[in-house]
């Protein structure tokens, strides 16, 4: 009978641990590594509550791969290192970028985009949406998941 109690306690403990493991797994933060995104909104410098949606031809994007973020800012290609821990992110503000000339409004939008990337301190992924947020949790950039594997090109 003593052995039966030990087995029952062992089984109850195992079930309790499995239940906790399942709860933890479902609340884990999704990683950015290996994901690609297309910009869907970027708060304007002039009107912080108004989103800027870039034209389709110059759609900004980002790919997170091997500790680097790379893509197109709507005018130029860019690349930088990044680190993520849980839901925090640090993108190196010293980005490498091409220097193509684009219309002034496109250059302004591209500059605002790369500046927002450099200011990002937190991220949140919900379904096919990525939000980059500042240290004060202000929304900086919103992306949608990119189904095209060439997003950073």
C-alpha atoms as a PDB file:
ATOM      1  CA  UNK A   1       0.000   0.000   0.000  1.00  0.00           C
ATOM      2  CA  UNK A   2       2.879   2.370   0.779  1.00  0.00           C
ATOM      3  CA  UNK A   3       4.169   1.822  -2.777  1.00  0.00           C
ATOM      4  CA  UNK A   4       0.718   2.733  -4.190  1.00  0.00           C
ATOM      5  CA  UNK A   5       0.777   6.083  -2.398  1.00  0.00           C
ATOM      6  CA  UNK A   6       4.273   6.813  -3.745  1.00  0.00           C
ATOM      7  CA  UNK A   7       3.167   6.047  -7.305  1.00  0.00           C
ATOM      8  CA  UNK A   8       0.049   8.210  -6.885  1.00  0.00           C
ATOM      9  CA  UNK A   9       2.084  11.125  -5.534  1.00  0.00           C
ATOM     10  CA  UNK A  10       4.620  10.737  -8.318  1.00  0.00           C
ATOM     11  CA  UNK A  11       1.855  10.705 -10.938  1.00  0.00           C
ATOM     12  CA  UNK A  12       0.130  13.752  -9.374  1.00  0.00           C
ATOM     13  CA  UNK A  13       3.428  15.655  -9.309  1.00  0.00           C
ATOM     14  CA  UNK A  14       4.161  14.790 -12.928  1.00  0.00           C
ATOM     15  CA  UNK A  15       0.669  15.931 -14.019  1.00  0.00           C
ATOM     16  CA  UNK A  16       1.070  19.198 -12.086  1.00  0.00           C
ATOM     17  CA  UNK A  17       4.434  19.844 -13.757  1.00  0.00           C
ATOM     18  CA  UNK A  18       3.045  19.084 -17.201  1.00  0.00           C
ATOM     19  CA  UNK A  19       0.159  21.490 -16.588  1.00  0.00           C
ATOM     20  CA  UNK A  20       2.609  24.244 -15.593  1.00  0.00           C
ATOM     21  CA  UNK A  21       4.795  23.511 -18.599  1.00  0.00           C
ATOM     22  CA  UNK A  22       1.820  23.863 -20.926  1.00  0.00           C
ATOM     23  CA  UNK A  23       0.882  27.216 -19.363  1.00  0.00           C
ATOM     24  CA  UNK A  24       4.445  28.489 -19.674  1.00  0.00           C
ATOM     25  CA  UNK A  25       4.766  27.396 -23.297  1.00  0.00           C
ATOM     26  CA  UNK A  26       1.602  29.203 -24.343  1.00  0.00           C
ATOM     27  CA  UNK A  27       2.698  32.467 -22.679  1.00  0.00           C
ATOM     28  CA  UNK A  28       6.211  32.494 -24.163  1.00  0.00           C
ATOM     29  CA  UNK A  29       7.278  35.434 -26.310  1.00  0.00           C
ATOM     30  CA  UNK A  30       7.643  34.590 -29.995  1.00  0.00           C
ATOM     31  CA  UNK A  31      11.174  35.105 -31.292  1.00  0.00           C
ATOM     32  CA  UNK A  32      12.020  37.437 -34.174  1.00  0.00           C
ATOM     33  CA  UNK A  33      14.860  35.264 -35.487  1.00  0.00           C
ATOM     34  CA  UNK A  34      14.063  33.862 -38.927  1.00  0.00           C
ATOM     35  CA  UNK A  35      11.052  36.119 -39.547  1.00  0.00           C
ATOM     36  CA  UNK A  36      10.339  38.637 -42.332  1.00  0.00           C
ATOM     37  CA  UNK A  37       7.966  41.601 -42.176  1.00  0.00           C
ATOM     38  CA  UNK A  38       6.529  44.376 -44.364  1.00  0.00           C
ATOM     39  CA  UNK A  39       5.839  47.825 -42.928  1.00  0.00           C
ATOM     40  CA  UNK A  40       2.157  48.569 -42.430  1.00  0.00           C
ATOM     41  CA  UNK A  41       2.338  51.810 -40.412  1.00  0.00           C
ATOM     42  CA  UNK A  42       4.847  54.305 -39.092  1.00  0.00           C
ATOM     43  CA  UNK A  43       3.786  57.218 -36.873  1.00  0.00           C
ATOM     44  CA  UNK A  44       4.497  60.560 -38.543  1.00  0.00           C
ATOM     45  CA  UNK A  45       6.954  63.033 -37.076  1.00  0.00           C
ATOM     46  CA  UNK A  46       4.455  65.872 -37.675  1.00  0.00           C
ATOM     47  CA  UNK A  47       1.384  64.028 -36.432  1.00  0.00           C
ATOM     48  CA  UNK A  48       2.416  61.202 -34.055  1.00  0.00           C
ATOM     49  CA  UNK A  49      -1.067  59.673 -34.032  1.00  0.00           C
ATOM     50  CA  UNK A  50      -1.363  59.521 -37.831  1.00  0.00           C
ATOM     51  CA  UNK A  51       0.137  56.485 -39.551  1.00  0.00           C
ATOM     52  CA  UNK A  52       2.238  56.866 -42.682  1.00  0.00           C
ATOM     53  CA  UNK A  53       1.689  54.028 -45.083  1.00  0.00           C
ATOM     54  CA  UNK A  54       4.464  53.902 -47.663  1.00  0.00           C
ATOM     55  CA  UNK A  55       3.628  53.448 -51.346  1.00  0.00           C
ATOM     56  CA  UNK A  56       3.639  49.846 -52.547  1.00  0.00           C
ATOM     57  CA  UNK A  57       6.607  50.426 -54.886  1.00  0.00           C
ATOM     58  CA  UNK A  58       8.841  51.487 -51.985  1.00  0.00           C
ATOM     59  CA  UNK A  59       7.412  49.321 -49.227  1.00  0.00           C
ATOM     60  CA  UNK A  60       9.808  49.156 -46.292  1.00  0.00           C
ATOM     61  CA  UNK A  61      10.513  45.754 -44.806  1.00  0.00           C
ATOM     62  CA  UNK A  62      12.658  43.878 -42.307  1.00  0.00           C
ATOM     63  CA  UNK A  63      14.135  40.415 -42.026  1.00  0.00           C
ATOM     64  CA  UNK A  64      15.596  39.149 -38.755  1.00  0.00           C
ATOM     65  CA  UNK A  65      18.254  36.527 -39.389  1.00  0.00           C
ATOM     66  CA  UNK A  66      21.495  35.428 -37.716  1.00  0.00           C
ATOM     67  CA  UNK A  67      21.471  38.366 -35.293  1.00  0.00           C
ATOM     68  CA  UNK A  68      20.990  40.910 -38.089  1.00  0.00           C
ATOM     69  CA  UNK A  69      18.058  42.969 -39.240  1.00  0.00           C
ATOM     70  CA  UNK A  70      18.143  43.807 -42.945  1.00  0.00           C
ATOM     71  CA  UNK A  71      15.751  45.071 -45.561  1.00  0.00           C
ATOM     72  CA  UNK A  72      14.636  48.100 -47.496  1.00  0.00           C
ATOM     73  CA  UNK A  73      13.659  51.389 -45.827  1.00  0.00           C
ATOM     74  CA  UNK A  74      11.513  52.459 -48.778  1.00  0.00           C
ATOM     75  CA  UNK A  75      14.475  53.995 -50.621  1.00  0.00           C
ATOM     76  CA  UNK A  76      17.690  52.258 -49.562  1.00  0.00           C
ATOM     77  CA  UNK A  77      18.763  48.862 -48.354  1.00  0.00           C
ATOM     78  CA  UNK A  78      19.899  48.750 -44.720  1.00  0.00           C
ATOM     79  CA  UNK A  79      21.477  46.266 -42.329  1.00  0.00           C
ATOM     80  CA  UNK A  80      22.305  46.294 -38.615  1.00  0.00           C
ATOM     81  CA  UNK A  81      22.917  43.896 -35.771  1.00  0.00           C
ATOM     82  CA  UNK A  82      20.211  43.309 -33.211  1.00  0.00           C
ATOM     83  CA  UNK A  83      19.809  41.505 -29.903  1.00  0.00           C
ATOM     84  CA  UNK A  84      16.597  40.195 -28.446  1.00  0.00           C
ATOM     85  CA  UNK A  85      15.892  38.882 -24.975  1.00  0.00           C
ATOM     86  CA  UNK A  86      12.320  37.906 -24.250  1.00  0.00           C
ATOM     87  CA  UNK A  87      10.274  40.819 -25.564  1.00  0.00           C
ATOM     88  CA  UNK A  88      13.114  43.351 -25.479  1.00  0.00           C
ATOM     89  CA  UNK A  89      15.135  44.325 -28.529  1.00  0.00           C
ATOM     90  CA  UNK A  90      18.185  46.470 -29.202  1.00  0.00           C
ATOM     91  CA  UNK A  91      18.948  47.403 -32.815  1.00  0.00           C
ATOM     92  CA  UNK A  92      22.350  48.941 -33.471  1.00  0.00           C
ATOM     93  CA  UNK A  93      21.716  52.579 -34.497  1.00  0.00           C
ATOM     94  CA  UNK A  94      24.858  52.528 -36.688  1.00  0.00           C
ATOM     95  CA  UNK A  95      23.185  50.874 -39.658  1.00  0.00           C
ATOM     96  CA  UNK A  96      24.929  50.137 -42.913  1.00  0.00           C
ATOM     97  CA  UNK A  97      22.869  51.503 -45.806  1.00  0.00           C
ATOM     98  CA  UNK A  98      23.047  52.239 -49.501  1.00  0.00           C
ATOM     99  CA  UNK A  99      22.868  55.944 -50.436  1.00  0.00           C
ATOM    100  CA  UNK A 100      20.414  56.175 -53.327  1.00  0.00           C
ATOM    101  CA  UNK A 101      18.648  59.453 -53.988  1.00  0.00           C
ATOM    102  CA  UNK A 102      14.867  59.337 -53.753  1.00  0.00           C
ATOM    103  CA  UNK A 103      12.187  62.050 -53.758  1.00  0.00           C
ATOM    104  CA  UNK A 104      12.315  64.177 -50.560  1.00  0.00           C
ATOM    105  CA  UNK A 105       9.081  62.737 -49.095  1.00  0.00           C
ATOM    106  CA  UNK A 106      10.398  59.183 -49.590  1.00  0.00           C
ATOM    107  CA  UNK A 107      13.757  60.094 -48.012  1.00  0.00           C
ATOM    108  CA  UNK A 108      11.942  61.637 -45.032  1.00  0.00           C
ATOM    109  CA  UNK A 109       9.810  58.505 -44.587  1.00  0.00           C
ATOM    110  CA  UNK A 110      12.884  56.242 -44.925  1.00  0.00           C
ATOM    111  CA  UNK A 111      14.771  58.271 -42.330  1.00  0.00           C
ATOM    112  CA  UNK A 112      11.806  58.138 -39.930  1.00  0.00           C
ATOM    113  CA  UNK A 113      11.638  54.360 -40.430  1.00  0.00           C
ATOM    114  CA  UNK A 114      15.314  53.669 -39.670  1.00  0.00           C
ATOM    115  CA  UNK A 115      15.213  56.095 -36.741  1.00  0.00           C
ATOM    116  CA  UNK A 116      12.205  54.222 -35.323  1.00  0.00           C
ATOM    117  CA  UNK A 117      14.074  50.912 -35.683  1.00  0.00           C
ATOM    118  CA  UNK A 118      17.025  52.316 -33.723  1.00  0.00           C
ATOM    119  CA  UNK A 119      14.703  53.568 -30.928  1.00  0.00           C
ATOM    120  CA  UNK A 120      12.880  50.243 -30.544  1.00  0.00           C
ATOM    121  CA  UNK A 121      13.280  48.646 -27.113  1.00  0.00           C
ATOM    122  CA  UNK A 122      10.348  46.230 -27.020  1.00  0.00           C
ATOM    123  CA  UNK A 123       8.487  44.110 -29.517  1.00  0.00           C
ATOM    124  CA  UNK A 124       5.238  42.216 -29.602  1.00  0.00           C
ATOM    125  CA  UNK A 125       4.111  39.621 -32.124  1.00  0.00           C
ATOM    126  CA  UNK A 126       0.407  38.835 -32.341  1.00  0.00           C
ATOM    127  CA  UNK A 127      -0.608  36.500 -35.147  1.00  0.00           C
ATOM    128  CA  UNK A 128       0.770  38.099 -38.334  1.00  0.00           C
ATOM    129  CA  UNK A 129       1.483  41.506 -36.791  1.00  0.00           C
ATOM    130  CA  UNK A 130       4.722  42.829 -35.282  1.00  0.00           C
ATOM    131  CA  UNK A 131       4.852  45.997 -33.201  1.00  0.00           C
ATOM    132  CA  UNK A 132       8.095  47.717 -32.265  1.00  0.00           C
ATOM    133  CA  UNK A 133       7.764  49.961 -29.218  1.00  0.00           C
ATOM    134  CA  UNK A 134       9.918  52.526 -27.444  1.00  0.00           C
ATOM    135  CA  UNK A 135      11.271  52.331 -23.922  1.00  0.00           C
ATOM    136  CA  UNK A 136       8.086  54.116 -22.769  1.00  0.00           C
ATOM    137  CA  UNK A 137       5.960  51.614 -24.755  1.00  0.00           C
ATOM    138  CA  UNK A 138       5.024  54.154 -27.456  1.00  0.00           C
ATOM    139  CA  UNK A 139       4.220  52.463 -30.767  1.00  0.00           C
ATOM    140  CA  UNK A 140       7.023  53.159 -33.265  1.00  0.00           C
ATOM    141  CA  UNK A 141       6.432  50.749 -36.157  1.00  0.00           C
ATOM    142  CA  UNK A 142       3.832  48.162 -37.136  1.00  0.00           C
ATOM    143  CA  UNK A 143       4.622  45.361 -39.587  1.00  0.00           C
ATOM    144  CA  UNK A 144       2.649  42.527 -41.132  1.00  0.00           C
ATOM    145  CA  UNK A 145       4.244  39.130 -41.645  1.00  0.00           C
ATOM    146  CA  UNK A 146       5.797  38.797 -45.065  1.00  0.00           C
ATOM    147  CA  UNK A 147       4.891  35.670 -47.007  1.00  0.00           C
ATOM    148  CA  UNK A 148       7.606  36.417 -49.602  1.00  0.00           C
ATOM    149  CA  UNK A 149      10.969  34.873 -48.646  1.00  0.00           C
ATOM    150  CA  UNK A 150      12.837  37.660 -50.455  1.00  0.00           C
ATOM    151  CA  UNK A 151      11.662  40.439 -48.105  1.00  0.00           C
ATOM    152  CA  UNK A 152      15.143  41.727 -47.313  1.00  0.00           C
ATOM    153  CA  UNK A 153      16.169  41.959 -50.963  1.00  0.00           C
END
